[in-house]
Amino acid sequence: MSPHHAEVDALNSAPITFAQALEQFVRQFAADARFYHGLTRAGPGSPAWTALRNRGLWLLTSHRVAHFCVRRRNLRSPVWWIARLCKSFGAGFNVLCCRSQLADDCEIDGVAYLSNHGYLLCSALSIGSGSLIHDRCTFGHSVAGGGAGLPAIGKDVWIGPDCVIAGPLTVGDGATVLPGTVLTFSVPPRAVVKGNPARIVRTDFDNSQLRRSLSIVLDVATDN
């Protein structure tokens, strides 16, 4: 284990009080709710109302509890046991109500959008802050060729519906994965990929407009 990873593991396993855990959870939930409200742009702006309207936010919140259990495993901590109990309930809740499954060890860095329409199967290593993931997407190991390893999704990535991202690859910051794409190779930052099999159709594309709403774009202008 590298010194960096040892330092991170030591930090994650450090004792945490119930008040500290609750403060962190509430702060992150408020940030997530603001992000969802900015995308949906409907109804009152309170976090409670936003939470009631967005099943993707339910899924994200449940995942944060499960990830806490993985990263801060401490059998002597009452906080961990409370989170573990919530995680047990959340696993079934995600399948029944959110129609999705996320690997507990997937690191979601900062705010992100997980589709309100569900059907997400996610075993990615990580999902970067500001990324939008629409419905009916699958991230995980590559089946063809037995590729070991999991994908890492960068920051500010836009992924349309019906996408498959498989294998030990990286989707670069600001990349765009158009609907129906089957991706098995790494994508550079700000690139646009589409198709089955995927191909890069544009480079240096600014996807910030796509990430300001939940509108689905089927294609973008390609490079000449």
Protein backbone atom coordinates (compact mmCIF):
# COMPACT_ATOMS: atom_id res chain seq x y z
CA MET A 1 0.00 0.00 0.00
CA SER A 2 1.35 3.43 -0.93
CA PRO A 3 1.90 6.11 1.76
CA HIS A 4 -0.89 8.17 0.18
CA HIS A 5 -3.42 5.34 0.40
CA ALA A 6 -2.31 4.52 3.93
CA GLU A 7 -2.91 8.15 4.91
CA VAL A 8 -6.35 8.17 3.27
CA ASP A 9 -7.36 4.88 4.93
CA ALA A 10 -6.22 6.18 8.30
CA LEU A 11 -8.25 9.34 7.81
CA ASN A 12 -11.37 7.42 6.78
CA SER A 13 -11.12 5.08 9.77
CA ALA A 14 -10.62 7.90 12.29
CA PRO A 15 -13.32 8.06 15.00
CA ILE A 16 -16.30 10.24 14.17
CA THR A 17 -19.05 11.37 16.50
CA PHE A 18 -22.74 11.19 15.72
CA ALA A 19 -22.91 15.01 15.59
CA GLN A 20 -20.02 15.17 13.11
CA ALA A 21 -21.53 12.47 10.91
CA LEU A 22 -24.94 14.12 10.96
CA GLU A 23 -23.44 17.52 10.10
CA GLN A 24 -21.53 16.08 7.15
CA PHE A 25 -24.59 14.20 5.94
CA VAL A 26 -26.89 17.22 6.16
CA ARG A 27 -24.35 19.47 4.43
CA GLN A 28 -23.91 17.00 1.56
CA PHE A 29 -27.66 16.39 1.27
CA ALA A 30 -28.32 20.14 1.04
CA ALA A 31 -25.73 20.47 -1.73
CA ASP A 32 -27.23 17.50 -3.60
CA ALA A 33 -30.76 18.90 -3.23
CA ARG A 34 -29.68 22.30 -4.58
CA PHE A 35 -28.07 20.58 -7.56
CA TYR A 36 -31.22 18.57 -8.33
CA HIS A 37 -33.45 21.62 -7.89
CA GLY A 38 -31.30 23.58 -10.34
CA LEU A 39 -31.79 20.85 -12.93
CA THR A 40 -35.52 20.29 -12.45
CA ARG A 41 -36.44 23.98 -12.03
CA ALA A 42 -39.90 23.23 -10.70
CA GLY A 43 -41.75 23.77 -7.43
CA PRO A 44 -40.50 25.37 -4.22
CA GLY A 45 -36.79 25.42 -3.62
CA SER A 46 -36.69 23.76 -0.20
CA PRO A 47 -34.48 20.66 0.12
CA ALA A 48 -37.42 18.71 1.59
CA TRP A 49 -39.67 19.39 -1.40
CA THR A 50 -36.87 18.62 -3.84
CA ALA A 51 -36.22 15.32 -2.04
CA LEU A 52 -39.87 14.30 -2.32
CA ARG A 53 -39.89 14.87 -6.08
CA ASN A 54 -36.62 13.25 -7.14
CA ARG A 55 -36.08 9.51 -6.87
CA GLY A 56 -32.54 9.96 -8.16
CA LEU A 57 -31.82 12.03 -5.07
CA TRP A 58 -33.19 9.21 -2.91
CA LEU A 59 -30.80 6.83 -4.65
CA LEU A 60 -27.84 9.18 -4.25
CA THR A 61 -28.56 9.75 -0.56
CA SER A 62 -28.92 6.03 0.11
CA HIS A 63 -25.64 5.40 -1.68
CA ARG A 64 -23.82 7.98 0.43
CA VAL A 65 -24.89 6.10 3.56
CA ALA A 66 -23.70 2.78 2.08
CA HIS A 67 -20.39 4.32 1.02
CA PHE A 68 -19.91 5.71 4.51
CA CYS A 69 -20.20 2.15 5.84
CA VAL A 70 -17.49 0.96 3.46
CA ARG A 71 -15.05 3.82 4.01
CA ARG A 72 -15.52 4.20 7.77
CA ARG A 73 -15.95 0.62 8.90
CA ASN A 74 -15.60 0.60 12.67
CA LEU A 75 -17.37 -2.13 14.63
CA ARG A 76 -16.89 -0.19 17.86
CA SER A 77 -18.65 2.91 16.59
CA PRO A 78 -22.40 3.38 17.25
CA VAL A 79 -22.45 5.76 14.28
CA TRP A 80 -21.26 2.99 11.97
CA TRP A 81 -23.90 0.59 13.26
CA ILE A 82 -26.67 3.16 12.73
CA ALA A 83 -25.42 3.75 9.19
CA ARG A 84 -25.18 -0.02 8.67
CA LEU A 85 -28.82 -0.44 9.67
CA CYS A 86 -29.86 2.33 7.26
CA LYS A 87 -27.76 0.71 4.53
CA SER A 88 -29.57 -2.62 4.97
CA PHE A 89 -32.91 -0.87 4.44
CA GLY A 90 -31.51 1.23 1.59
CA ALA A 91 -30.38 -1.73 -0.51
CA GLY A 92 -33.93 -3.00 -0.89
CA PHE A 93 -35.30 0.52 -1.19
CA ASN A 94 -32.99 1.25 -4.15
CA VAL A 95 -34.19 -1.80 -6.06
CA LEU A 96 -37.90 -1.48 -5.28
CA CYS A 97 -38.38 2.30 -5.36
CA CYS A 98 -35.46 3.63 -7.41
CA ARG A 99 -35.13 0.59 -9.69
CA SER A 100 -31.34 0.85 -9.51
CA GLN A 101 -28.25 -0.67 -7.90
CA LEU A 102 -24.97 1.08 -7.08
CA ALA A 103 -21.85 -0.63 -5.76
CA ASP A 104 -21.22 0.51 -2.20
CA ASP A 105 -17.56 1.29 -2.92
CA CYS A 106 -18.27 3.60 -5.87
CA GLU A 107 -16.84 7.01 -4.91
CA ILE A 108 -19.16 9.88 -5.86
CA ASP A 109 -17.12 13.04 -5.49
CA GLY A 110 -19.33 16.04 -4.77
CA VAL A 111 -22.72 16.64 -6.35
CA ALA A 112 -23.95 14.47 -9.21
CA TYR A 113 -27.22 13.64 -10.96
CA LEU A 114 -28.51 10.06 -11.01
CA SER A 115 -31.59 9.68 -13.17
CA ASN A 116 -35.02 9.97 -11.60
CA HIS A 117 -36.23 7.33 -14.07
CA GLY A 118 -33.99 4.62 -12.66
CA TYR A 119 -32.63 1.44 -14.25
CA LEU A 120 -29.03 2.24 -13.33
CA LEU A 121 -26.58 -0.59 -12.65
CA CYS A 122 -23.38 1.05 -11.50
CA SER A 123 -20.16 -0.63 -10.43
CA ALA A 124 -17.91 2.25 -11.46
CA LEU A 125 -14.83 3.03 -9.43
CA SER A 126 -15.81 6.68 -9.18
CA ILE A 127 -18.11 9.39 -10.51
CA GLY A 128 -16.82 12.94 -10.61
CA SER A 129 -18.53 16.06 -9.32
CA GLY A 130 -21.04 17.74 -11.62
CA SER A 131 -21.68 14.67 -13.78
CA LEU A 132 -25.14 13.77 -15.10
CA ILE A 133 -26.12 10.14 -15.65
CA HIS A 134 -29.42 9.40 -17.34
CA ASP A 135 -31.57 6.28 -17.16
CA ARG A 136 -30.98 2.71 -18.34
CA CYS A 137 -27.19 2.85 -18.02
CA THR A 138 -24.81 0.08 -16.96
CA PHE A 139 -21.24 0.61 -15.72
CA GLY A 140 -18.98 -2.28 -14.75
CA HIS A 141 -16.58 -5.02 -15.78
CA SER A 142 -16.06 -5.76 -19.44
CA VAL A 143 -17.69 -9.04 -20.45
CA ALA A 144 -16.07 -9.41 -23.85
CA GLY A 145 -12.41 -10.35 -23.55
CA GLY A 146 -12.65 -10.76 -19.77
CA GLY A 147 -11.33 -7.26 -19.12
CA ALA A 148 -10.59 -6.87 -15.42
CA GLY A 149 -11.13 -3.51 -13.79
CA LEU A 150 -13.85 -0.93 -13.55
CA PRO A 151 -14.52 2.41 -15.28
CA ALA A 152 -13.80 5.76 -13.66
CA ILE A 153 -16.14 8.61 -14.63
CA GLY A 154 -14.57 12.07 -14.52
CA LYS A 155 -15.98 15.43 -13.49
CA ASP A 156 -18.69 17.26 -15.47
CA VAL A 157 -19.42 14.23 -17.66
CA TRP A 158 -22.77 13.95 -19.47
CA ILE A 159 -24.00 10.40 -20.10
CA GLY A 160 -27.22 9.88 -22.04
CA PRO A 161 -29.75 7.06 -21.67
CA ASP A 162 -29.14 3.43 -22.70
CA CYS A 163 -25.34 3.53 -22.37
CA VAL A 164 -22.95 0.75 -21.39
CA ILE A 165 -19.50 1.64 -20.06
CA ALA A 166 -17.39 -1.42 -19.31
CA GLY A 167 -13.83 -2.28 -18.40
CA PRO A 168 -10.81 -0.56 -16.84
CA LEU A 169 -11.22 2.75 -18.60
CA THR A 170 -11.43 6.46 -17.81
CA VAL A 171 -14.05 8.88 -19.08
CA GLY A 172 -12.24 12.20 -19.03
CA ASP A 173 -13.51 15.39 -17.40
CA GLY A 174 -16.16 17.17 -19.45
CA ALA A 175 -16.67 14.23 -21.84
CA THR A 176 -20.04 13.52 -23.46
CA VAL A 177 -21.39 9.99 -23.99
CA LEU A 178 -24.36 10.15 -26.36
CA PRO A 179 -27.43 7.90 -25.90
CA GLY A 180 -27.06 4.25 -26.85
CA THR A 181 -23.25 4.23 -26.69
CA VAL A 182 -21.34 1.06 -25.78
CA LEU A 183 -17.95 2.24 -24.54
CA THR A 184 -14.97 -0.03 -23.86
CA PHE A 185 -12.01 2.36 -24.21
CA SER A 186 -10.81 5.47 -22.39
CA VAL A 187 -12.11 8.83 -23.56
CA PRO A 188 -10.06 12.04 -23.36
CA PRO A 189 -11.45 15.13 -21.61
CA ARG A 190 -14.13 17.11 -23.52
CA ALA A 191 -14.50 14.41 -26.19
CA VAL A 192 -17.86 13.23 -27.57
CA VAL A 193 -18.44 9.52 -28.17
CA LYS A 194 -21.35 7.68 -29.75
CA GLY A 195 -22.34 4.36 -31.27
CA ASN A 196 -22.01 0.63 -30.74
CA PRO A 197 -19.12 0.13 -30.79
CA ALA A 198 -18.29 3.63 -29.60
CA ARG A 199 -16.21 6.06 -31.61
CA ILE A 200 -15.02 9.59 -30.91
CA VAL A 201 -17.00 11.99 -33.11
CA ARG A 202 -15.85 15.31 -31.68
CA THR A 203 -13.06 16.73 -29.57
CA ASP A 204 -12.83 19.82 -27.36
CA PHE A 205 -16.62 20.01 -26.95
CA ASP A 206 -18.12 22.20 -24.22
CA ASN A 207 -20.97 20.19 -22.66
CA SER A 208 -21.88 22.80 -20.04
CA GLN A 209 -25.16 23.59 -21.82
CA LEU A 210 -26.18 19.92 -21.69
CA ARG A 211 -25.48 19.82 -17.96
CA ARG A 212 -27.76 22.77 -17.20
CA SER A 213 -30.98 20.80 -17.74
CA LEU A 214 -32.34 17.28 -18.06
CA SER A 215 -32.99 17.55 -21.78
CA ILE A 216 -31.78 14.58 -23.84
CA VAL A 217 -29.61 15.30 -26.87
CA LEU A 218 -29.30 12.52 -29.41
CA ASP A 219 -26.39 13.96 -31.39
CA VAL A 220 -24.04 16.92 -31.69
CA ALA A 221 -22.28 18.47 -34.66
CA THR A 222 -19.19 16.39 -35.49
CA ASP A 223 -15.65 17.58 -36.26
CA ASN A 224 -14.90 18.11 -39.91
